[in-house]
Amino acid sequence: MLIHGGGSERDWTLGCMALSDEDLARLRAELPQGQQTSLLVLP
C-alpha cells in the first residue's frame, strides 16, 4: 500500500490511499528527511 498525491476524486487508487497534493506535502513535512515508515491501517 502506498500513500500518494493526485487526489481521490475518482476510484483509481488500486488499494492505495490518495491524498490531495497539499495534504501529502503537509504529511511529508512532519517526517524527518529520509525517514521510512510503515503504515498500519485499522478498521
C-alpha atoms as a PDB file:
ATOM      1  CA  MET A   1       0.000   0.000   0.000  1.00  0.00           C
ATOM      2  CA  LEU A   2       1.214   3.476  -0.805  1.00  0.00           C
ATOM      3  CA  ILE A   3       0.144   6.972   0.137  1.00  0.00           C
ATOM      4  CA  HIS A   4       0.286   9.243  -2.892  1.00  0.00           C
ATOM      5  CA  GLY A   5      -0.875  12.612  -4.122  1.00  0.00           C
ATOM      6  CA  GLY A   6      -3.150  13.340  -7.015  1.00  0.00           C
ATOM      7  CA  GLY A   7      -6.357  13.452  -5.029  1.00  0.00           C
ATOM      8  CA  SER A   8      -9.096  10.916  -4.510  1.00  0.00           C
ATOM      9  CA  GLU A   9     -11.934  12.331  -6.594  1.00  0.00           C
ATOM     10  CA  ARG A  10     -12.007   9.140  -8.679  1.00  0.00           C
ATOM     11  CA  ASP A  11     -11.596   5.499  -7.663  1.00  0.00           C
ATOM     12  CA  TRP A  12      -8.231   4.842  -9.326  1.00  0.00           C
ATOM     13  CA  THR A  13      -6.010   4.134  -6.332  1.00  0.00           C
ATOM     14  CA  LEU A  14      -5.986   0.296  -6.553  1.00  0.00           C
ATOM     15  CA  GLY A  15      -5.703  -0.132  -2.787  1.00  0.00           C
ATOM     16  CA  CYS A  16      -3.576   2.923  -2.068  1.00  0.00           C
ATOM     17  CA  MET A  17      -4.506   5.951  -0.018  1.00  0.00           C
ATOM     18  CA  ALA A  18      -4.796   9.040  -2.216  1.00  0.00           C
ATOM     19  CA  LEU A  19      -4.431  12.482  -0.652  1.00  0.00           C
ATOM     20  CA  SER A  20      -4.548  15.886  -2.206  1.00  0.00           C
ATOM     21  CA  ASP A  21      -1.077  17.089  -3.161  1.00  0.00           C
ATOM     22  CA  GLU A  22      -1.289  19.741  -0.441  1.00  0.00           C
ATOM     23  CA  ASP A  23      -2.188  17.194   2.263  1.00  0.00           C
ATOM     24  CA  LEU A  24       0.614  14.888   1.138  1.00  0.00           C
ATOM     25  CA  ALA A  25       3.121  17.763   1.343  1.00  0.00           C
ATOM     26  CA  ARG A  26       1.960  18.534   4.907  1.00  0.00           C
ATOM     27  CA  LEU A  27       2.300  14.872   5.899  1.00  0.00           C
ATOM     28  CA  ARG A  28       5.812  14.631   4.418  1.00  0.00           C
ATOM     29  CA  ALA A  29       6.849  17.804   6.231  1.00  0.00           C
ATOM     30  CA  GLU A  30       6.103  16.089   9.556  1.00  0.00           C
ATOM     31  CA  LEU A  31       8.634  13.291   8.903  1.00  0.00           C
ATOM     32  CA  PRO A  32      12.400  13.699   9.242  1.00  0.00           C
ATOM     33  CA  GLN A  33      14.122  13.808   5.845  1.00  0.00           C
ATOM     34  CA  GLY A  34      14.869  10.318   4.539  1.00  0.00           C
ATOM     35  CA  GLN A  35      12.791   8.535   7.180  1.00  0.00           C
ATOM     36  CA  GLN A  36      10.972   5.440   6.024  1.00  0.00           C
ATOM     37  CA  THR A  37       7.791   4.412   7.782  1.00  0.00           C
ATOM     38  CA  SER A  38       5.346   1.539   7.928  1.00  0.00           C
ATOM     39  CA  LEU A  39       1.653   2.204   7.578  1.00  0.00           C
ATOM     40  CA  LEU A  40      -0.832   0.473   9.842  1.00  0.00           C
ATOM     41  CA  VAL A  41      -4.426   0.616   8.628  1.00  0.00           C
ATOM     42  CA  LEU A  42      -7.082  -0.313  11.168  1.00  0.00           C
ATOM     43  CA  PRO A  43     -10.813  -0.739  10.563  1.00  0.00           C
END
